């Protein structure tokens, strides 16, 4: 599987709010996890254009990430700017 326990811990420790592998619930760590999954699913959909279930899942994941980014934008603009810069995302 492309996303095992070690990979999740690595993502959480790199992008989590407190830079710990146990910080799984912060918006930053969730956005980083969603971004990793979105990149993986995008590559899959490019190879398998008729996979409509994965395309729908990808769309839902992008919506979830957008919701978390909107939450950060409204509540803490500095955290929002930091995660956008860190992950290379743009609005």
PDB file of N, CA and C in Angstrom:
ATOM      1  N   UNK A   1       0.841  -1.188   0.000  1.00  0.00           N
ATOM      2  CA  UNK A   1       0.000   0.000   0.000  1.00  0.00           C
ATOM      3  C   UNK A   1       0.882   1.247   0.000  1.00  0.00           C
ATOM      4  N   UNK A   2       0.439   2.279  -0.638  1.00  0.00           N
ATOM      5  CA  UNK A   2       1.245   3.478  -0.796  1.00  0.00           C
ATOM      6  C   UNK A   2       1.322   4.321   0.468  1.00  0.00           C
ATOM      7  N   UNK A   3       0.389   4.153   1.384  1.00  0.00           N
ATOM      8  CA  UNK A   3       0.362   4.984   2.581  1.00  0.00           C
ATOM      9  C   UNK A   3       0.317   4.082   3.813  1.00  0.00           C
ATOM     10  N   UNK A   4       1.497   3.721   4.314  1.00  0.00           N
ATOM     11  CA  UNK A   4       1.554   2.866   5.486  1.00  0.00           C
ATOM     12  C   UNK A   4       1.769   3.712   6.745  1.00  0.00           C
ATOM     13  N   UNK A   5       1.874   3.039   7.859  1.00  0.00           N
ATOM     14  CA  UNK A   5       1.987   3.728   9.153  1.00  0.00           C
ATOM     15  C   UNK A   5       3.235   4.608   9.218  1.00  0.00           C
ATOM     16  N   UNK A   6       4.339   4.109   8.707  1.00  0.00           N
ATOM     17  CA  UNK A   6       5.589   4.871   8.754  1.00  0.00           C
ATOM     18  C   UNK A   6       5.493   6.145   7.920  1.00  0.00           C
ATOM     19  N   UNK A   7       4.856   6.051   6.750  1.00  0.00           N
ATOM     20  CA  UNK A   7       4.718   7.222   5.889  1.00  0.00           C
ATOM     21  C   UNK A   7       3.825   8.277   6.548  1.00  0.00           C
ATOM     22  N   UNK A   8       2.749   7.838   7.193  1.00  0.00           N
ATOM     23  CA  UNK A   8       1.876   8.779   7.903  1.00  0.00           C
ATOM     24  C   UNK A   8       2.623   9.478   9.025  1.00  0.00           C
ATOM     25  N   UNK A   9       3.396   8.711   9.799  1.00  0.00           N
ATOM     26  CA  UNK A   9       4.165   9.312  10.889  1.00  0.00           C
ATOM     27  C   UNK A   9       5.171  10.323  10.353  1.00  0.00           C
ATOM     28  N   UNK A  10       5.764  10.022   9.211  1.00  0.00           N
ATOM     29  CA  UNK A  10       6.712  10.951   8.595  1.00  0.00           C
ATOM     30  C   UNK A  10       6.010  12.248   8.184  1.00  0.00           C
ATOM     31  N   UNK A  11       4.846  12.124   7.575  1.00  0.00           N
ATOM     32  CA  UNK A  11       4.089  13.316   7.157  1.00  0.00           C
ATOM     33  C   UNK A  11       3.692  14.143   8.367  1.00  0.00           C
ATOM     34  N   UNK A  12       3.196  13.482   9.401  1.00  0.00           N
ATOM     35  CA  UNK A  12       2.760  14.202  10.598  1.00  0.00           C
ATOM     36  C   UNK A  12       3.931  14.860  11.319  1.00  0.00           C
ATOM     37  N   UNK A  13       5.081  14.198  11.355  1.00  0.00           N
ATOM     38  CA  UNK A  13       6.219  14.794  12.047  1.00  0.00           C
ATOM     39  C   UNK A  13       6.815  15.961  11.255  1.00  0.00           C
ATOM     40  N   UNK A  14       6.697  15.943   9.938  1.00  0.00           N
ATOM     41  CA  UNK A  14       7.216  17.040   9.120  1.00  0.00           C
ATOM     42  C   UNK A  14       6.289  18.249   9.120  1.00  0.00           C
ATOM     43  N   UNK A  15       4.983  18.005   9.054  1.00  0.00           N
ATOM     44  CA  UNK A  15       4.039  19.092   8.827  1.00  0.00           C
ATOM     45  C   UNK A  15       3.086  19.360   9.976  1.00  0.00           C
ATOM     46  N   UNK A  16       3.157  18.570  11.036  1.00  0.00           N
ATOM     47  CA  UNK A  16       2.250  18.774  12.155  1.00  0.00           C
ATOM     48  C   UNK A  16       2.504  20.088  12.864  1.00  0.00           C
ATOM     49  N   UNK A  17       1.543  20.517  13.608  1.00  0.00           N
ATOM     50  CA  UNK A  17       1.630  21.804  14.299  1.00  0.00           C
ATOM     51  C   UNK A  17       2.784  21.834  15.293  1.00  0.00           C
ATOM     52  N   UNK A  18       2.978  20.733  15.988  1.00  0.00           N
ATOM     53  CA  UNK A  18       4.037  20.677  16.989  1.00  0.00           C
ATOM     54  C   UNK A  18       5.219  19.829  16.520  1.00  0.00           C
ATOM     55  N   UNK A  19       5.238  19.476  15.252  1.00  0.00           N
ATOM     56  CA  UNK A  19       6.328  18.694  14.642  1.00  0.00           C
ATOM     57  C   UNK A  19       6.561  17.373  15.368  1.00  0.00           C
ATOM     58  N   UNK A  20       5.455  16.723  15.794  1.00  0.00           N
ATOM     59  CA  UNK A  20       5.537  15.411  16.428  1.00  0.00           C
ATOM     60  C   UNK A  20       4.719  14.432  15.600  1.00  0.00           C
ATOM     61  N   UNK A  21       5.117  13.173  15.616  1.00  0.00           N
ATOM     62  CA  UNK A  21       4.406  12.148  14.862  1.00  0.00           C
ATOM     63  C   UNK A  21       3.026  11.869  15.452  1.00  0.00           C
ATOM     64  N   UNK A  22       2.805  12.276  16.708  1.00  0.00           N
ATOM     65  CA  UNK A  22       1.516  12.012  17.343  1.00  0.00           C
ATOM     66  C   UNK A  22       0.508  13.130  17.081  1.00  0.00           C
ATOM     67  N   UNK A  23       0.929  14.184  16.411  1.00  0.00           N
ATOM     68  CA  UNK A  23       0.029  15.305  16.123  1.00  0.00           C
ATOM     69  C   UNK A  23      -0.754  14.993  14.844  1.00  0.00           C
ATOM     70  N   UNK A  24      -1.807  14.191  15.001  1.00  0.00           N
ATOM     71  CA  UNK A  24      -2.553  13.736  13.828  1.00  0.00           C
ATOM     72  C   UNK A  24      -3.811  14.544  13.563  1.00  0.00           C
ATOM     73  N   UNK A  25      -4.229  15.364  14.496  1.00  0.00           N
ATOM     74  CA  UNK A  25      -5.504  16.036  14.357  1.00  0.00           C
ATOM     75  C   UNK A  25      -5.447  17.491  13.955  1.00  0.00           C
ATOM     76  N   UNK A  26      -4.268  18.092  13.963  1.00  0.00           N
ATOM     77  CA  UNK A  26      -4.196  19.512  13.623  1.00  0.00           C
ATOM     78  C   UNK A  26      -4.508  19.714  12.149  1.00  0.00           C
ATOM     79  N   UNK A  27      -4.962  20.892  11.833  1.00  0.00           N
ATOM     80  CA  UNK A  27      -5.333  21.196  10.452  1.00  0.00           C
ATOM     81  C   UNK A  27      -4.129  21.076   9.524  1.00  0.00           C
ATOM     82  N   UNK A  28      -2.956  21.486   9.988  1.00  0.00           N
ATOM     83  CA  UNK A  28      -1.757  21.423   9.156  1.00  0.00           C
ATOM     84  C   UNK A  28      -1.415  19.989   8.778  1.00  0.00           C
ATOM     85  N   UNK A  29      -1.469  19.089   9.762  1.00  0.00           N
ATOM     86  CA  UNK A  29      -1.122  17.702   9.473  1.00  0.00           C
ATOM     87  C   UNK A  29      -2.165  17.051   8.570  1.00  0.00           C
ATOM     88  N   UNK A  30      -3.432  17.373   8.771  1.00  0.00           N
ATOM     89  CA  UNK A  30      -4.475  16.818   7.909  1.00  0.00           C
ATOM     90  C   UNK A  30      -4.349  17.341   6.482  1.00  0.00           C
ATOM     91  N   UNK A  31      -4.049  18.617   6.325  1.00  0.00           N
ATOM     92  CA  UNK A  31      -3.871  19.189   4.988  1.00  0.00           C
ATOM     93  C   UNK A  31      -2.688  18.530   4.294  1.00  0.00           C
ATOM     94  N   UNK A  32      -1.608  18.299   5.029  1.00  0.00           N
ATOM     95  CA  UNK A  32      -0.439  17.644   4.439  1.00  0.00           C
ATOM     96  C   UNK A  32      -0.765  16.221   4.011  1.00  0.00           C
ATOM     97  N   UNK A  33      -1.522  15.501   4.835  1.00  0.00           N
ATOM     98  CA  UNK A  33      -1.927  14.138   4.484  1.00  0.00           C
ATOM     99  C   UNK A  33      -2.834  14.139   3.259  1.00  0.00           C
ATOM    100  N   UNK A  34      -3.809  15.039   3.234  1.00  0.00           N
ATOM    101  CA  UNK A  34      -4.695  15.139   2.071  1.00  0.00           C
ATOM    102  C   UNK A  34      -3.905  15.480   0.810  1.00  0.00           C
ATOM    103  N   UNK A  35      -2.929  16.360   0.924  1.00  0.00           N
ATOM    104  CA  UNK A  35      -2.118  16.744  -0.231  1.00  0.00           C
ATOM    105  C   UNK A  35      -1.341  15.549  -0.762  1.00  0.00           C
ATOM    106  N   UNK A  36      -0.775  14.762   0.127  1.00  0.00           N
ATOM    107  CA  UNK A  36      -0.048  13.561  -0.296  1.00  0.00           C
ATOM    108  C   UNK A  36      -0.980  12.603  -1.024  1.00  0.00           C
ATOM    109  N   UNK A  37      -2.164  12.378  -0.461  1.00  0.00           N
ATOM    110  CA  UNK A  37      -3.130  11.471  -1.085  1.00  0.00           C
ATOM    111  C   UNK A  37      -3.630  12.018  -2.416  1.00  0.00           C
ATOM    112  N   UNK A  38      -3.839  13.327  -2.496  1.00  0.00           N
ATOM    113  CA  UNK A  38      -4.302  13.950  -3.745  1.00  0.00           C
ATOM    114  C   UNK A  38      -3.265  13.758  -4.841  1.00  0.00           C
ATOM    115  N   UNK A  39      -1.999  13.951  -4.516  1.00  0.00           N
ATOM    116  CA  UNK A  39      -0.944  13.756  -5.514  1.00  0.00           C
ATOM    117  C   UNK A  39      -0.921  12.316  -6.011  1.00  0.00           C
ATOM    118  N   UNK A  40      -1.060  11.380  -5.097  1.00  0.00           N
ATOM    119  CA  UNK A  40      -1.053   9.972  -5.481  1.00  0.00           C
ATOM    120  C   UNK A  40      -2.266   9.641  -6.361  1.00  0.00           C
ATOM    121  N   UNK A  41      -3.440  10.073  -5.968  1.00  0.00           N
ATOM    122  CA  UNK A  41      -4.645   9.781  -6.746  1.00  0.00           C
ATOM    123  C   UNK A  41      -4.636  10.484  -8.098  1.00  0.00           C
ATOM    124  N   UNK A  42      -4.045  11.669  -8.172  1.00  0.00           N
ATOM    125  CA  UNK A  42      -3.954  12.376  -9.448  1.00  0.00           C
ATOM    126  C   UNK A  42      -3.132  11.568 -10.439  1.00  0.00           C
ATOM    127  N   UNK A  43      -2.029  11.007  -9.987  1.00  0.00           N
ATOM    128  CA  UNK A  43      -1.215  10.171 -10.871  1.00  0.00           C
ATOM    129  C   UNK A  43      -1.989   8.936 -11.320  1.00  0.00           C
ATOM    130  N   UNK A  44      -2.752   8.349 -10.413  1.00  0.00           N
ATOM    131  CA  UNK A  44      -3.555   7.174 -10.756  1.00  0.00           C
ATOM    132  C   UNK A  44      -4.612   7.520 -11.809  1.00  0.00           C
ATOM    133  N   UNK A  45      -5.287   8.640 -11.636  1.00  0.00           N
ATOM    134  CA  UNK A  45      -6.343   9.040 -12.563  1.00  0.00           C
ATOM    135  C   UNK A  45      -5.759   9.388 -13.935  1.00  0.00           C
ATOM    136  N   UNK A  46      -4.551   9.942 -13.966  1.00  0.00           N
ATOM    137  CA  UNK A  46      -3.905  10.221 -15.253  1.00  0.00           C
ATOM    138  C   UNK A  46      -3.677   8.941 -16.048  1.00  0.00           C
ATOM    139  N   UNK A  47      -3.328   7.849 -15.349  1.00  0.00           N
ATOM    140  CA  UNK A  47      -3.077   6.571 -16.013  1.00  0.00           C
ATOM    141  C   UNK A  47      -4.370   5.819 -16.324  1.00  0.00           C
ATOM    142  N   UNK A  48      -5.393   5.999 -15.481  1.00  0.00           N
ATOM    143  CA  UNK A  48      -6.644   5.245 -15.598  1.00  0.00           C
ATOM    144  C   UNK A  48      -7.808   6.215 -15.749  1.00  0.00           C
ATOM    145  N   UNK A  49      -7.968   6.763 -16.925  1.00  0.00           N
ATOM    146  CA  UNK A  49      -8.946   7.828 -17.159  1.00  0.00           C
ATOM    147  C   UNK A  49     -10.391   7.391 -16.930  1.00  0.00           C
ATOM    148  N   UNK A  50     -10.686   6.120 -17.071  1.00  0.00           N
ATOM    149  CA  UNK A  50     -12.072   5.664 -16.927  1.00  0.00           C
ATOM    150  C   UNK A  50     -12.433   5.245 -15.503  1.00  0.00           C
ATOM    151  N   UNK A  51     -11.537   5.440 -14.569  1.00  0.00           N
ATOM    152  CA  UNK A  51     -11.787   5.088 -13.175  1.00  0.00           C
ATOM    153  C   UNK A  51     -12.577   6.222 -12.515  1.00  0.00           C
ATOM    154  N   UNK A  52     -13.883   6.155 -12.661  1.00  0.00           N
ATOM    155  CA  UNK A  52     -14.749   7.234 -12.182  1.00  0.00           C
ATOM    156  C   UNK A  52     -14.877   7.256 -10.661  1.00  0.00           C
ATOM    157  N   UNK A  53     -14.746   6.116 -10.013  1.00  0.00           N
ATOM    158  CA  UNK A  53     -14.839   6.062  -8.556  1.00  0.00           C
ATOM    159  C   UNK A  53     -13.661   6.810  -7.926  1.00  0.00           C
ATOM    160  N   UNK A  54     -12.473   6.587  -8.459  1.00  0.00           N
ATOM    161  CA  UNK A  54     -11.295   7.283  -7.934  1.00  0.00           C
ATOM    162  C   UNK A  54     -11.379   8.773  -8.233  1.00  0.00           C
ATOM    163  N   UNK A  55     -11.909   9.120  -9.412  1.00  0.00           N
ATOM    164  CA  UNK A  55     -12.064  10.529  -9.755  1.00  0.00           C
ATOM    165  C   UNK A  55     -12.999  11.221  -8.769  1.00  0.00           C
ATOM    166  N   UNK A  56     -14.073  10.551  -8.409  1.00  0.00           N
ATOM    167  CA  UNK A  56     -15.007  11.116  -7.431  1.00  0.00           C
ATOM    168  C   UNK A  56     -14.348  11.237  -6.061  1.00  0.00           C
ATOM    169  N   UNK A  57     -13.598  10.229  -5.663  1.00  0.00           N
ATOM    170  CA  UNK A  57     -12.886  10.280  -4.380  1.00  0.00           C
ATOM    171  C   UNK A  57     -11.877  11.411  -4.360  1.00  0.00           C
ATOM    172  N   UNK A  58     -11.198  11.617  -5.480  1.00  0.00           N
ATOM    173  CA  UNK A  58     -10.233  12.702  -5.585  1.00  0.00           C
ATOM    174  C   UNK A  58     -10.925  14.053  -5.431  1.00  0.00           C
ATOM    175  N   UNK A  59     -12.066  14.207  -6.061  1.00  0.00           N
ATOM    176  CA  UNK A  59     -12.829  15.453  -5.956  1.00  0.00           C
ATOM    177  C   UNK A  59     -13.260  15.709  -4.513  1.00  0.00           C
ATOM    178  N   UNK A  60     -13.701  14.675  -3.821  1.00  0.00           N
ATOM    179  CA  UNK A  60     -14.109  14.823  -2.427  1.00  0.00           C
ATOM    180  C   UNK A  60     -12.934  15.205  -1.538  1.00  0.00           C
ATOM    181  N   UNK A  61     -11.770  14.596  -1.793  1.00  0.00           N
ATOM    182  CA  UNK A  61     -10.578  14.913  -1.010  1.00  0.00           C
ATOM    183  C   UNK A  61     -10.144  16.353  -1.209  1.00  0.00           C
ATOM    184  N   UNK A  62     -10.213  16.830  -2.443  1.00  0.00           N
ATOM    185  CA  UNK A  62      -9.860  18.224  -2.719  1.00  0.00           C
ATOM    186  C   UNK A  62     -10.812  19.153  -1.972  1.00  0.00           C
ATOM    187  N   UNK A  63     -12.094  18.795  -1.921  1.00  0.00           N
ATOM    188  CA  UNK A  63     -13.073  19.597  -1.181  1.00  0.00           C
ATOM    189  C   UNK A  63     -12.796  19.620   0.308  1.00  0.00           C
ATOM    190  N   UNK A  64     -12.402  18.475   0.867  1.00  0.00           N
ATOM    191  CA  UNK A  64     -12.066  18.422   2.296  1.00  0.00           C
ATOM    192  C   UNK A  64     -10.858  19.298   2.603  1.00  0.00           C
ATOM    193  N   UNK A  65      -9.842  19.210   1.738  1.00  0.00           N
ATOM    194  CA  UNK A  65      -8.652  20.030   1.949  1.00  0.00           C
ATOM    195  C   UNK A  65      -8.989  21.506   1.831  1.00  0.00           C
ATOM    196  N   UNK A  66      -9.823  21.866   0.858  1.00  0.00           N
ATOM    197  CA  UNK A  66     -10.230  23.262   0.677  1.00  0.00           C
ATOM    198  C   UNK A  66     -10.981  23.765   1.907  1.00  0.00           C
ATOM    199  N   UNK A  67     -11.822  22.909   2.497  1.00  0.00           N
ATOM    200  CA  UNK A  67     -12.535  23.285   3.711  1.00  0.00           C
ATOM    201  C   UNK A  67     -11.600  23.560   4.871  1.00  0.00           C
ATOM    202  N   UNK A  68     -10.590  22.719   5.041  1.00  0.00           N
ATOM    203  CA  UNK A  68      -9.618  22.948   6.109  1.00  0.00           C
ATOM    204  C   UNK A  68      -8.800  24.209   5.860  1.00  0.00           C
ATOM    205  N   UNK A  69      -8.437  24.447   4.605  1.00  0.00           N
ATOM    206  CA  UNK A  69      -7.694  25.662   4.286  1.00  0.00           C
ATOM    207  C   UNK A  69      -8.546  26.909   4.537  1.00  0.00           C
ATOM    208  N   UNK A  70      -9.832  26.844   4.198  1.00  0.00           N
ATOM    209  CA  UNK A  70     -10.725  27.970   4.478  1.00  0.00           C
ATOM    210  C   UNK A  70     -10.847  28.218   5.970  1.00  0.00           C
ATOM    211  N   UNK A  71     -10.912  27.126   6.751  1.00  0.00           N
ATOM    212  CA  UNK A  71     -10.980  27.241   8.208  1.00  0.00           C
ATOM    213  C   UNK A  71      -9.740  27.961   8.743  1.00  0.00           C
ATOM    214  N   UNK A  72      -8.564  27.534   8.273  1.00  0.00           N
ATOM    215  CA  UNK A  72      -7.334  28.193   8.719  1.00  0.00           C
ATOM    216  C   UNK A  72      -7.289  29.645   8.289  1.00  0.00           C
ATOM    217  N   UNK A  73      -7.756  29.937   7.090  1.00  0.00           N
ATOM    218  CA  UNK A  73      -7.738  31.301   6.578  1.00  0.00           C
ATOM    219  C   UNK A  73      -8.587  32.222   7.449  1.00  0.00           C
ATOM    220  N   UNK A  74      -9.750  31.725   7.881  1.00  0.00           N
ATOM    221  CA  UNK A  74     -10.652  32.546   8.701  1.00  0.00           C
ATOM    222  C   UNK A  74     -10.146  32.707  10.134  1.00  0.00           C
ATOM    223  N   UNK A  75      -9.553  31.650  10.689  1.00  0.00           N
ATOM    224  CA  UNK A  75      -9.224  31.658  12.113  1.00  0.00           C
ATOM    225  C   UNK A  75      -7.780  32.015  12.441  1.00  0.00           C
ATOM    226  N   UNK A  76      -6.857  31.707  11.561  1.00  0.00           N
ATOM    227  CA  UNK A  76      -5.444  31.980  11.854  1.00  0.00           C
ATOM    228  C   UNK A  76      -4.685  32.139  10.545  1.00  0.00           C
ATOM    229  N   UNK A  77      -4.617  33.362  10.052  1.00  0.00           N
ATOM    230  CA  UNK A  77      -4.045  33.647   8.741  1.00  0.00           C
ATOM    231  C   UNK A  77      -2.561  33.303   8.689  1.00  0.00           C
ATOM    232  N   UNK A  78      -1.850  33.399   9.804  1.00  0.00           N
ATOM    233  CA  UNK A  78      -0.417  33.077   9.806  1.00  0.00           C
ATOM    234  C   UNK A  78      -0.192  31.582   9.602  1.00  0.00           C
ATOM    235  N   UNK A  79      -0.981  30.751  10.274  1.00  0.00           N
ATOM    236  CA  UNK A  79      -0.875  29.304  10.066  1.00  0.00           C
ATOM    237  C   UNK A  79      -1.243  28.946   8.630  1.00  0.00           C
ATOM    238  N   UNK A  80      -2.237  29.629   8.078  1.00  0.00           N
ATOM    239  CA  UNK A  80      -2.648  29.410   6.694  1.00  0.00           C
ATOM    240  C   UNK A  80      -1.497  29.714   5.738  1.00  0.00           C
ATOM    241  N   UNK A  81      -0.864  30.869   5.914  1.00  0.00           N
ATOM    242  CA  UNK A  81       0.252  31.255   5.039  1.00  0.00           C
ATOM    243  C   UNK A  81       1.417  30.282   5.177  1.00  0.00           C
ATOM    244  N   UNK A  82       1.673  29.818   6.395  1.00  0.00           N
ATOM    245  CA  UNK A  82       2.784  28.894   6.620  1.00  0.00           C
ATOM    246  C   UNK A  82       2.551  27.564   5.904  1.00  0.00           C
ATOM    247  N   UNK A  83       1.339  27.027   5.985  1.00  0.00           N
ATOM    248  CA  UNK A  83       1.071  25.723   5.362  1.00  0.00           C
ATOM    249  C   UNK A  83       1.029  25.845   3.842  1.00  0.00           C
ATOM    250  N   UNK A  84       0.536  26.970   3.332  1.00  0.00           N
ATOM    251  CA  UNK A  84       0.528  27.191   1.885  1.00  0.00           C
ATOM    252  C   UNK A  84       1.967  27.239   1.364  1.00  0.00           C
ATOM    253  N   UNK A  85       2.827  27.943   2.070  1.00  0.00           N
ATOM    254  CA  UNK A  85       4.220  28.065   1.656  1.00  0.00           C
ATOM    255  C   UNK A  85       4.947  26.735   1.787  1.00  0.00           C
ATOM    256  N   UNK A  86       4.687  26.034   2.886  1.00  0.00           N
ATOM    257  CA  UNK A  86       5.373  24.776   3.163  1.00  0.00           C
ATOM    258  C   UNK A  86       5.039  23.691   2.138  1.00  0.00           C
ATOM    259  N   UNK A  87       3.773  23.614   1.737  1.00  0.00           N
ATOM    260  CA  UNK A  87       3.343  22.570   0.821  1.00  0.00           C
ATOM    261  C   UNK A  87       3.380  23.003  -0.647  1.00  0.00           C
ATOM    262  N   UNK A  88       3.612  24.277  -0.870  1.00  0.00           N
ATOM    263  CA  UNK A  88       3.660  24.755  -2.242  1.00  0.00           C
ATOM    264  C   UNK A  88       2.290  24.886  -2.879  1.00  0.00           C
ATOM    265  N   UNK A  89       1.277  25.135  -2.069  1.00  0.00           N
ATOM    266  CA  UNK A  89      -0.081  25.308  -2.583  1.00  0.00           C
ATOM    267  C   UNK A  89      -0.323  26.777  -2.853  1.00  0.00           C
ATOM    268  N   UNK A  90      -1.292  27.057  -3.659  1.00  0.00           N
ATOM    269  CA  UNK A  90      -1.686  28.458  -3.870  1.00  0.00           C
ATOM    270  C   UNK A  90      -3.182  28.506  -4.014  1.00  0.00           C
ATOM    271  N   UNK A  91      -3.740  29.619  -3.648  1.00  0.00           N
ATOM    272  CA  UNK A  91      -5.190  29.770  -3.647  1.00  0.00           C
ATOM    273  C   UNK A  91      -5.684  30.196  -4.986  1.00  0.00           C
TER     274      UNK A  91
END
